[in-house]
Amino acid sequence: LGAQFQRAYPHVMLVDGNDDRGIDVGILSRFPIDALRSHV
């Protein structure tokens, strides 16, 4: 995203979940992440 399109995000987060195949949900944000809570 950054090197090819100059569209990198300043805030990137992903919490590994319950799937051991490497299939998770994350977030890319232009604005700060103030808090995070997991429900794994």
All heavy atoms as atom14 arrays in JSON, in Angstrom:
{
  "sequence": "LGAQFQRAYPHVMLVDGNDDRGIDVGILSRFPIDALRSHV",
  "atom14_mask": [
    [1, 1, 1, 1, 1, 1, 1, 1, 0, 0, 0, 0, 0, 0],
    [1, 1, 1, 1, 0, 0, 0, 0, 0, 0, 0, 0, 0, 0],
    [1, 1, 1, 1, 1, 0, 0, 0, 0, 0, 0, 0, 0, 0],
    [1, 1, 1, 1, 1, 1, 1, 1, 1, 0, 0, 0, 0, 0],
    [1, 1, 1, 1, 1, 1, 1, 1, 1, 1, 1, 0, 0, 0],
    [1, 1, 1, 1, 1, 1, 1, 1, 1, 0, 0, 0, 0, 0],
    [1, 1, 1, 1, 1, 1, 1, 1, 1, 1, 1, 0, 0, 0],
    [1, 1, 1, 1, 1, 0, 0, 0, 0, 0, 0, 0, 0, 0],
    [1, 1, 1, 1, 1, 1, 1, 1, 1, 1, 1, 1, 0, 0],
    [1, 1, 1, 1, 1, 1, 1, 0, 0, 0, 0, 0, 0, 0],
    [1, 1, 1, 1, 1, 1, 1, 1, 1, 1, 0, 0, 0, 0],
    [1, 1, 1, 1, 1, 1, 1, 0, 0, 0, 0, 0, 0, 0],
    [1, 1, 1, 1, 1, 1, 1, 1, 0, 0, 0, 0, 0, 0],
    [1, 1, 1, 1, 1, 1, 1, 1, 0, 0, 0, 0, 0, 0],
    [1, 1, 1, 1, 1, 1, 1, 0, 0, 0, 0, 0, 0, 0],
    [1, 1, 1, 1, 1, 1, 1, 1, 0, 0, 0, 0, 0, 0],
    [1, 1, 1, 1, 0, 0, 0, 0, 0, 0, 0, 0, 0, 0],
    [1, 1, 1, 1, 1, 1, 1, 1, 0, 0, 0, 0, 0, 0],
    [1, 1, 1, 1, 1, 1, 1, 1, 0, 0, 0, 0, 0, 0],
    [1, 1, 1, 1, 1, 1, 1, 1, 0, 0, 0, 0, 0, 0],
    [1, 1, 1, 1, 1, 1, 1, 1, 1, 1, 1, 0, 0, 0],
    [1, 1, 1, 1, 0, 0, 0, 0, 0, 0, 0, 0, 0, 0],
    [1, 1, 1, 1, 1, 1, 1, 1, 0, 0, 0, 0, 0, 0],
    [1, 1, 1, 1, 1, 1, 1, 1, 0, 0, 0, 0, 0, 0],
    [1, 1, 1, 1, 1, 1, 1, 0, 0, 0, 0, 0, 0, 0],
    [1, 1, 1, 1, 0, 0, 0, 0, 0, 0, 0, 0, 0, 0],
    [1, 1, 1, 1, 1, 1, 1, 1, 0, 0, 0, 0, 0, 0],
    [1, 1, 1, 1, 1, 1, 1, 1, 0, 0, 0, 0, 0, 0],
    [1, 1, 1, 1, 1, 1, 0, 0, 0, 0, 0, 0, 0, 0],
    [1, 1, 1, 1, 1, 1, 1, 1, 1, 1, 1, 0, 0, 0],
    [1, 1, 1, 1, 1, 1, 1, 1, 1, 1, 1, 0, 0, 0],
    [1, 1, 1, 1, 1, 1, 1, 0, 0, 0, 0, 0, 0, 0],
    [1, 1, 1, 1, 1, 1, 1, 1, 0, 0, 0, 0, 0, 0],
    [1, 1, 1, 1, 1, 1, 1, 1, 0, 0, 0, 0, 0, 0],
    [1, 1, 1, 1, 1, 0, 0, 0, 0, 0, 0, 0, 0, 0],
    [1, 1, 1, 1, 1, 1, 1, 1, 0, 0, 0, 0, 0, 0],
    [1, 1, 1, 1, 1, 1, 1, 1, 1, 1, 1, 0, 0, 0],
    [1, 1, 1, 1, 1, 1, 0, 0, 0, 0, 0, 0, 0, 0],
    [1, 1, 1, 1, 1, 1, 1, 1, 1, 1, 0, 0, 0, 0],
    [1, 1, 1, 1, 1, 1, 1, 0, 0, 0, 0, 0, 0, 0]
  ],
  "atom14_positions": [
    [[0.83, -1.21, 0.0], [0.0, 0.0, 0.0], [0.86, 1.26, 0.0], [0.57, 2.22, -0.71], [-0.92, 0.01, 1.22], [-2.25, -0.72, 1.11], [-2.95, -0.78, 2.46], [-3.16, -0.07, 0.08], [0.0, 0.0, 0.0], [0.0, 0.0, 0.0], [0.0, 0.0, 0.0], [0.0, 0.0, 0.0], [0.0, 0.0, 0.0], [0.0, 0.0, 0.0]],
    [[1.92, 1.25, 0.81], [2.77, 2.43, 0.89], [3.71, 2.56, -0.28], [3.73, 3.59, -0.97], [0.0, 0.0, 0.0], [0.0, 0.0, 0.0], [0.0, 0.0, 0.0], [0.0, 0.0, 0.0], [0.0, 0.0, 0.0], [0.0, 0.0, 0.0], [0.0, 0.0, 0.0], [0.0, 0.0, 0.0], [0.0, 0.0, 0.0], [0.0, 0.0, 0.0]],
    [[4.51, 1.53, -0.53], [5.55, 1.62, -1.57], [4.97, 1.7, -2.97], [5.53, 2.39, -3.84], [6.49, 0.42, -1.45], [0.0, 0.0, 0.0], [0.0, 0.0, 0.0], [0.0, 0.0, 0.0], [0.0, 0.0, 0.0], [0.0, 0.0, 0.0], [0.0, 0.0, 0.0], [0.0, 0.0, 0.0], [0.0, 0.0, 0.0], [0.0, 0.0, 0.0]],
    [[3.87, 1.0, -3.23], [3.31, 0.96, -4.58], [2.27, 2.04, -4.84], [2.1, 2.48, -5.98], [2.68, -0.42, -4.84], [3.66, -1.57, -4.75], [4.69, -1.54, -5.87], [4.36, -1.29, -7.02], [5.95, -1.77, -5.51], [0.0, 0.0, 0.0], [0.0, 0.0, 0.0], [0.0, 0.0, 0.0], [0.0, 0.0, 0.0], [0.0, 0.0, 0.0]],
    [[1.55, 2.45, -3.79], [0.41, 3.36, -4.01], [0.44, 4.61, -3.13], [-0.46, 5.44, -3.24], [-0.91, 2.61, -3.76], [-1.14, 1.46, -4.7], [-0.82, 0.16, -4.32], [-1.65, 1.67, -5.97], [-1.02, -0.91, -5.18], [-1.86, 0.62, -6.84], [-1.54, -0.68, -6.46], [0.0, 0.0, 0.0], [0.0, 0.0, 0.0], [0.0, 0.0, 0.0]],
    [[1.46, 4.73, -2.27], [1.54, 5.87, -1.35], [0.26, 6.03, -0.53], [-0.24, 7.13, -0.28], [1.83, 7.18, -2.11], [3.21, 7.22, -2.77], [3.29, 6.33, -4.0], [2.47, 6.46, -4.91], [4.27, 5.45, -4.05], [0.0, 0.0, 0.0], [0.0, 0.0, 0.0], [0.0, 0.0, 0.0], [0.0, 0.0, 0.0], [0.0, 0.0, 0.0]],
    [[-0.28, 4.89, -0.09], [-1.54, 4.91, 0.67], [-1.41, 4.16, 1.99], [-2.39, 3.6, 2.49], [-2.67, 4.27, -0.16], [-3.09, 5.04, -1.39], [-3.75, 6.35, -1.07], [-4.85, 6.21, -0.16], [-5.57, 7.23, 0.32], [-5.26, 8.46, -0.05], [-6.57, 7.03, 1.14], [0.0, 0.0, 0.0], [0.0, 0.0, 0.0], [0.0, 0.0, 0.0]],
    [[-0.25, 4.13, 2.58], [-0.07, 3.42, 3.86], [-0.87, 4.09, 4.96], [-1.09, 5.31, 4.96], [1.41, 3.4, 4.24], [0.0, 0.0, 0.0], [0.0, 0.0, 0.0], [0.0, 0.0, 0.0], [0.0, 0.0, 0.0], [0.0, 0.0, 0.0], [0.0, 0.0, 0.0], [0.0, 0.0, 0.0], [0.0, 0.0, 0.0], [0.0, 0.0, 0.0]],
    [[-1.32, 3.28, 5.9], [-2.09, 3.75, 7.04], [-1.17, 3.93, 8.26], [-0.3, 3.09, 8.5], [-3.2, 2.76, 7.39], [-4.34, 2.74, 6.4], [-4.23, 2.02, 5.2], [-5.52, 3.43, 6.64], [-5.26, 2.01, 4.28], [-6.56, 3.42, 5.73], [-6.43, 2.7, 4.55], [-7.45, 2.69, 3.64], [0.0, 0.0, 0.0], [0.0, 0.0, 0.0]],
    [[-1.39, 4.98, 9.05], [-0.55, 5.17, 10.24], [-0.88, 4.24, 11.39], [-0.07, 4.07, 12.3], [-0.82, 6.63, 10.62], [-2.17, 6.92, 10.08], [-2.3, 6.12, 8.82], [0.0, 0.0, 0.0], [0.0, 0.0, 0.0], [0.0, 0.0, 0.0], [0.0, 0.0, 0.0], [0.0, 0.0, 0.0], [0.0, 0.0, 0.0], [0.0, 0.0, 0.0]],
    [[-2.07, 3.63, 11.36], [-2.5, 2.78, 12.48], [-2.98, 1.43, 11.94], [-3.93, 1.37, 11.15], [-3.6, 3.46, 13.28], [-3.23, 4.85, 13.72], [-2.36, 5.1, 14.75], [-3.59, 6.07, 13.23], [-2.21, 6.4, 14.9], [-2.94, 7.0, 13.99], [0.0, 0.0, 0.0], [0.0, 0.0, 0.0], [0.0, 0.0, 0.0], [0.0, 0.0, 0.0]],
    [[-2.3, 0.36, 12.36], [-2.57, -1.0, 11.88], [-2.62, -1.92, 13.09], [-1.68, -1.95, 13.9], [-1.48, -1.48, 10.91], [-1.76, -2.91, 10.45], [-1.36, -0.54, 9.71], [0.0, 0.0, 0.0], [0.0, 0.0, 0.0], [0.0, 0.0, 0.0], [0.0, 0.0, 0.0], [0.0, 0.0, 0.0], [0.0, 0.0, 0.0], [0.0, 0.0, 0.0]],
    [[-3.71, -2.68, 13.21], [-3.8, -3.58, 14.35], [-4.52, -4.86, 13.95], [-5.45, -4.86, 13.13], [-4.55, -2.91, 15.51], [-4.65, -3.76, 16.77], [-3.07, -4.41, 17.36], [-2.24, -2.91, 17.87], [0.0, 0.0, 0.0], [0.0, 0.0, 0.0], [0.0, 0.0, 0.0], [0.0, 0.0, 0.0], [0.0, 0.0, 0.0], [0.0, 0.0, 0.0]],
    [[-4.05, -5.96, 14.5], [-4.68, -7.26, 14.34], [-4.36, -8.1, 15.57], [-3.2, -8.15, 16.0], [-4.17, -7.96, 13.07], [-4.78, -9.32, 12.71], [-4.77, -9.53, 11.2], [-4.05, -10.48, 13.39], [0.0, 0.0, 0.0], [0.0, 0.0, 0.0], [0.0, 0.0, 0.0], [0.0, 0.0, 0.0], [0.0, 0.0, 0.0], [0.0, 0.0, 0.0]],
    [[-5.38, -8.71, 16.15], [-5.2, -9.61, 17.28], [-5.44, -11.03, 16.78], [-6.51, -11.32, 16.23], [-6.17, -9.28, 18.43], [-5.99, -10.26, 19.58], [-5.96, -7.85, 18.91], [0.0, 0.0, 0.0], [0.0, 0.0, 0.0], [0.0, 0.0, 0.0], [0.0, 0.0, 0.0], [0.0, 0.0, 0.0], [0.0, 0.0, 0.0], [0.0, 0.0, 0.0]],
    [[-4.44, -11.9, 16.93], [-4.62, -13.28, 16.49], [-5.82, -13.9, 17.2], [-5.99, -13.77, 18.42], [-3.37, -14.11, 16.82], [-2.23, -13.82, 15.86], [-2.51, -13.39, 14.73], [-1.07, -14.03, 16.24], [0.0, 0.0, 0.0], [0.0, 0.0, 0.0], [0.0, 0.0, 0.0], [0.0, 0.0, 0.0], [0.0, 0.0, 0.0], [0.0, 0.0, 0.0]],
    [[-6.66, -14.59, 16.42], [-7.88, -15.16, 16.96], [-7.81, -16.66, 17.15], [-6.73, -17.23, 17.38], [0.0, 0.0, 0.0], [0.0, 0.0, 0.0], [0.0, 0.0, 0.0], [0.0, 0.0, 0.0], [0.0, 0.0, 0.0], [0.0, 0.0, 0.0], [0.0, 0.0, 0.0], [0.0, 0.0, 0.0], [0.0, 0.0, 0.0], [0.0, 0.0, 0.0]],
    [[-8.94, -17.31, 16.99], [-9.07, -18.73, 17.29], [-8.78, -19.64, 16.11], [-8.78, -20.86, 16.27], [-10.49, -19.02, 17.81], [-10.74, -18.38, 19.15], [-9.87, -18.38, 20.02], [-11.93, -17.82, 19.34], [0.0, 0.0, 0.0], [0.0, 0.0, 0.0], [0.0, 0.0, 0.0], [0.0, 0.0, 0.0], [0.0, 0.0, 0.0], [0.0, 0.0, 0.0]],
    [[-8.53, -19.09, 14.94], [-8.29, -19.89, 13.74], [-6.79, -20.06, 13.54], [-6.07, -19.09, 13.32], [-8.91, -19.21, 12.52], [-9.04, -20.13, 11.34], [-8.1, -20.92, 11.09], [-10.07, -20.08, 10.64], [0.0, 0.0, 0.0], [0.0, 0.0, 0.0], [0.0, 0.0, 0.0], [0.0, 0.0, 0.0], [0.0, 0.0, 0.0], [0.0, 0.0, 0.0]],
    [[-6.3, -21.3, 13.63], [-4.87, -21.53, 13.52], [-4.4, -21.65, 12.08], [-3.25, -22.01, 11.81], [-4.44, -22.78, 14.31], [-5.14, -24.05, 13.85], [-5.9, -24.0, 12.86], [-4.92, -25.1, 14.49], [0.0, 0.0, 0.0], [0.0, 0.0, 0.0], [0.0, 0.0, 0.0], [0.0, 0.0, 0.0], [0.0, 0.0, 0.0], [0.0, 0.0, 0.0]],
    [[-5.25, -21.31, 11.11], [-4.87, -21.36, 9.71], [-4.33, -20.03, 9.2], [-3.99, -19.9, 8.03], [-6.07, -21.78, 8.85], [-6.62, -23.16, 9.18], [-7.91, -23.43, 8.42], [-8.96, -22.48, 8.78], [-10.15, -22.42, 8.18], [-10.43, -23.25, 7.19], [-11.04, -21.53, 8.57], [0.0, 0.0, 0.0], [0.0, 0.0, 0.0], [0.0, 0.0, 0.0]],
    [[-4.25, -19.01, 10.07], [-3.8, -17.7, 9.63], [-4.89, -16.94, 8.91], [-4.68, -16.37, 7.84], [0.0, 0.0, 0.0], [0.0, 0.0, 0.0], [0.0, 0.0, 0.0], [0.0, 0.0, 0.0], [0.0, 0.0, 0.0], [0.0, 0.0, 0.0], [0.0, 0.0, 0.0], [0.0, 0.0, 0.0], [0.0, 0.0, 0.0], [0.0, 0.0, 0.0]],
    [[-6.1, -16.96, 9.5], [-7.25, -16.25, 8.92], [-7.83, -15.39, 10.03], [-8.63, -15.86, 10.85], [-8.29, -17.25, 8.38], [-7.69, -18.08, 7.26], [-9.53, -16.52, 7.88], [-8.63, -19.15, 6.73], [0.0, 0.0, 0.0], [0.0, 0.0, 0.0], [0.0, 0.0, 0.0], [0.0, 0.0, 0.0], [0.0, 0.0, 0.0], [0.0, 0.0, 0.0]],
    [[-7.41, -14.14, 10.08], [-7.8, -13.25, 11.17], [-8.45, -11.99, 10.64], [-8.45, -11.73, 9.44], [-6.57, -12.9, 12.02], [-6.09, -14.08, 12.86], [-6.89, -14.59, 13.66], [-4.92, -14.48, 12.71], [0.0, 0.0, 0.0], [0.0, 0.0, 0.0], [0.0, 0.0, 0.0], [0.0, 0.0, 0.0], [0.0, 0.0, 0.0], [0.0, 0.0, 0.0]],
    [[-9.0, -11.18, 11.56], [-9.59, -9.9, 11.2], [-8.76, -8.78, 11.84], [-8.39, -8.86, 13.01], [-11.07, -9.8, 11.63], [-11.93, -10.74, 10.81], [-11.25, -10.1, 13.12], [0.0, 0.0, 0.0], [0.0, 0.0, 0.0], [0.0, 0.0, 0.0], [0.0, 0.0, 0.0], [0.0, 0.0, 0.0], [0.0, 0.0, 0.0], [0.0, 0.0, 0.0]],
    [[-8.46, -7.75, 11.04], [-7.68, -6.64, 11.53], [-8.29, -5.32, 11.11], [-9.39, -5.27, 10.54], [0.0, 0.0, 0.0], [0.0, 0.0, 0.0], [0.0, 0.0, 0.0], [0.0, 0.0, 0.0], [0.0, 0.0, 0.0], [0.0, 0.0, 0.0], [0.0, 0.0, 0.0], [0.0, 0.0, 0.0], [0.0, 0.0, 0.0], [0.0, 0.0, 0.0]],
    [[-7.56, -4.25, 11.36], [-8.07, -2.92, 11.02], [-6.93, -2.04, 10.55], [-5.8, -2.12, 11.07], [-8.81, -2.29, 12.23], [-9.61, -1.07, 11.8], [-7.83, -1.96, 13.35], [-10.61, -0.61, 12.85], [0.0, 0.0, 0.0], [0.0, 0.0, 0.0], [0.0, 0.0, 0.0], [0.0, 0.0, 0.0], [0.0, 0.0, 0.0], [0.0, 0.0, 0.0]],
    [[-7.21, -1.23, 9.53], [-6.31, -0.19, 9.05], [-7.03, 1.13, 9.25], [-8.18, 1.28, 8.81], [-5.98, -0.4, 7.57], [-5.32, -1.73, 7.19], [-5.29, -1.9, 5.68], [-3.91, -1.81, 7.75], [0.0, 0.0, 0.0], [0.0, 0.0, 0.0], [0.0, 0.0, 0.0], [0.0, 0.0, 0.0], [0.0, 0.0, 0.0], [0.0, 0.0, 0.0]],
    [[-6.37, 2.1, 9.88], [-7.07, 3.34, 10.24], [-6.19, 4.56, 10.02], [-4.98, 4.53, 10.29], [-7.51, 3.28, 11.71], [-8.1, 4.51, 12.11], [0.0, 0.0, 0.0], [0.0, 0.0, 0.0], [0.0, 0.0, 0.0], [0.0, 0.0, 0.0], [0.0, 0.0, 0.0], [0.0, 0.0, 0.0], [0.0, 0.0, 0.0], [0.0, 0.0, 0.0]],
    [[-6.78, 5.63, 9.55], [-6.09, 6.91, 9.43], [-6.11, 7.67, 10.76], [-5.42, 8.68, 10.9], [-6.74, 7.77, 8.34], [-6.79, 7.07, 7.01], [-5.98, 7.79, 5.94], [-5.83, 6.92, 4.77], [-4.73, 6.29, 4.46], [-3.66, 6.42, 5.21], [-4.67, 5.52, 3.4], [0.0, 0.0, 0.0], [0.0, 0.0, 0.0], [0.0, 0.0, 0.0]],
    [[-6.88, 7.17, 11.71], [-7.03, 7.87, 12.98], [-6.61, 6.97, 14.12], [-6.66, 5.74, 14.01], [-8.48, 8.34, 13.14], [-9.02, 9.04, 11.93], [-10.05, 8.49, 11.18], [-8.46, 10.24, 11.5], [-10.54, 9.12, 10.05], [-8.94, 10.88, 10.36], [-9.98, 10.32, 9.63], [0.0, 0.0, 0.0], [0.0, 0.0, 0.0], [0.0, 0.0, 0.0]],
    [[-6.2, 7.54, 15.25], [-5.66, 6.73, 16.35], [-6.66, 5.73, 16.91], [-7.86, 6.0, 17.0], [-5.29, 7.78, 17.41], [-5.17, 9.07, 16.66], [-6.15, 8.99, 15.54], [0.0, 0.0, 0.0], [0.0, 0.0, 0.0], [0.0, 0.0, 0.0], [0.0, 0.0, 0.0], [0.0, 0.0, 0.0], [0.0, 0.0, 0.0], [0.0, 0.0, 0.0]],
    [[-6.12, 4.58, 17.3], [-6.91, 3.56, 18.0], [-6.74, 3.81, 19.49], [-5.65, 3.67, 20.04], [-6.43, 2.15, 17.62], [-6.6, 1.93, 16.11], [-7.21, 1.09, 18.41], [-5.96, 0.65, 15.61], [0.0, 0.0, 0.0], [0.0, 0.0, 0.0], [0.0, 0.0, 0.0], [0.0, 0.0, 0.0], [0.0, 0.0, 0.0], [0.0, 0.0, 0.0]],
    [[-7.82, 4.21, 20.14], [-7.75, 4.62, 21.54], [-7.85, 3.44, 22.5], [-7.29, 3.46, 23.59], [-8.88, 5.61, 21.84], [-8.82, 6.17, 23.24], [-7.74, 6.67, 23.63], [-9.83, 6.09, 23.96], [0.0, 0.0, 0.0], [0.0, 0.0, 0.0], [0.0, 0.0, 0.0], [0.0, 0.0, 0.0], [0.0, 0.0, 0.0], [0.0, 0.0, 0.0]],
    [[-8.58, 2.41, 22.1], [-8.77, 1.25, 22.98], [-9.07, 0.03, 22.13], [-9.55, 0.13, 21.0], [-9.9, 1.5, 23.97], [0.0, 0.0, 0.0], [0.0, 0.0, 0.0], [0.0, 0.0, 0.0], [0.0, 0.0, 0.0], [0.0, 0.0, 0.0], [0.0, 0.0, 0.0], [0.0, 0.0, 0.0], [0.0, 0.0, 0.0], [0.0, 0.0, 0.0]],
    [[-8.77, -1.13, 22.69], [-8.98, -2.41, 22.01], [-9.42, -3.44, 23.04], [-8.83, -3.54, 24.12], [-7.69, -2.87, 21.33], [-7.58, -4.33, 20.89], [-8.64, -4.65, 19.85], [-6.18, -4.61, 20.34], [0.0, 0.0, 0.0], [0.0, 0.0, 0.0], [0.0, 0.0, 0.0], [0.0, 0.0, 0.0], [0.0, 0.0, 0.0], [0.0, 0.0, 0.0]],
    [[-10.43, -4.21, 22.69], [-10.89, -5.3, 23.55], [-11.14, -6.54, 22.69], [-11.8, -6.45, 21.65], [-12.18, -4.91, 24.27], [-12.69, -5.97, 25.24], [-14.0, -5.53, 25.85], [-14.5, -6.5, 26.81], [-15.71, -6.44, 27.37], [-16.53, -5.44, 27.07], [-16.1, -7.36, 28.22], [0.0, 0.0, 0.0], [0.0, 0.0, 0.0], [0.0, 0.0, 0.0]],
    [[-10.6, -7.67, 23.1], [-10.75, -8.93, 22.38], [-11.85, -9.78, 23.0], [-12.12, -9.68, 24.2], [-9.42, -9.69, 22.39], [-9.59, -10.98, 21.85], [0.0, 0.0, 0.0], [0.0, 0.0, 0.0], [0.0, 0.0, 0.0], [0.0, 0.0, 0.0], [0.0, 0.0, 0.0], [0.0, 0.0, 0.0], [0.0, 0.0, 0.0], [0.0, 0.0, 0.0]],
    [[-12.45, -10.63, 22.16], [-13.48, -11.57, 22.64], [-13.15, -13.0, 22.21], [-14.06, -13.81, 21.98], [-14.86, -11.15, 22.12], [-15.39, -9.92, 22.76], [-16.06, -9.92, 23.96], [-15.33, -8.61, 22.38], [-16.4, -8.68, 24.3], [-15.97, -7.87, 23.35], [0.0, 0.0, 0.0], [0.0, 0.0, 0.0], [0.0, 0.0, 0.0], [0.0, 0.0, 0.0]],
    [[-11.86, -13.31, 22.11], [-11.49, -14.66, 21.67], [-11.94, -15.74, 22.65], [-12.14, -16.9, 22.25], [-9.96, -14.79, 21.46], [-9.5, -14.01, 20.25], [-9.2, -14.38, 22.71], [0.0, 0.0, 0.0], [0.0, 0.0, 0.0], [0.0, 0.0, 0.0], [0.0, 0.0, 0.0], [0.0, 0.0, 0.0], [0.0, 0.0, 0.0], [0.0, 0.0, 0.0]]
  ]
}
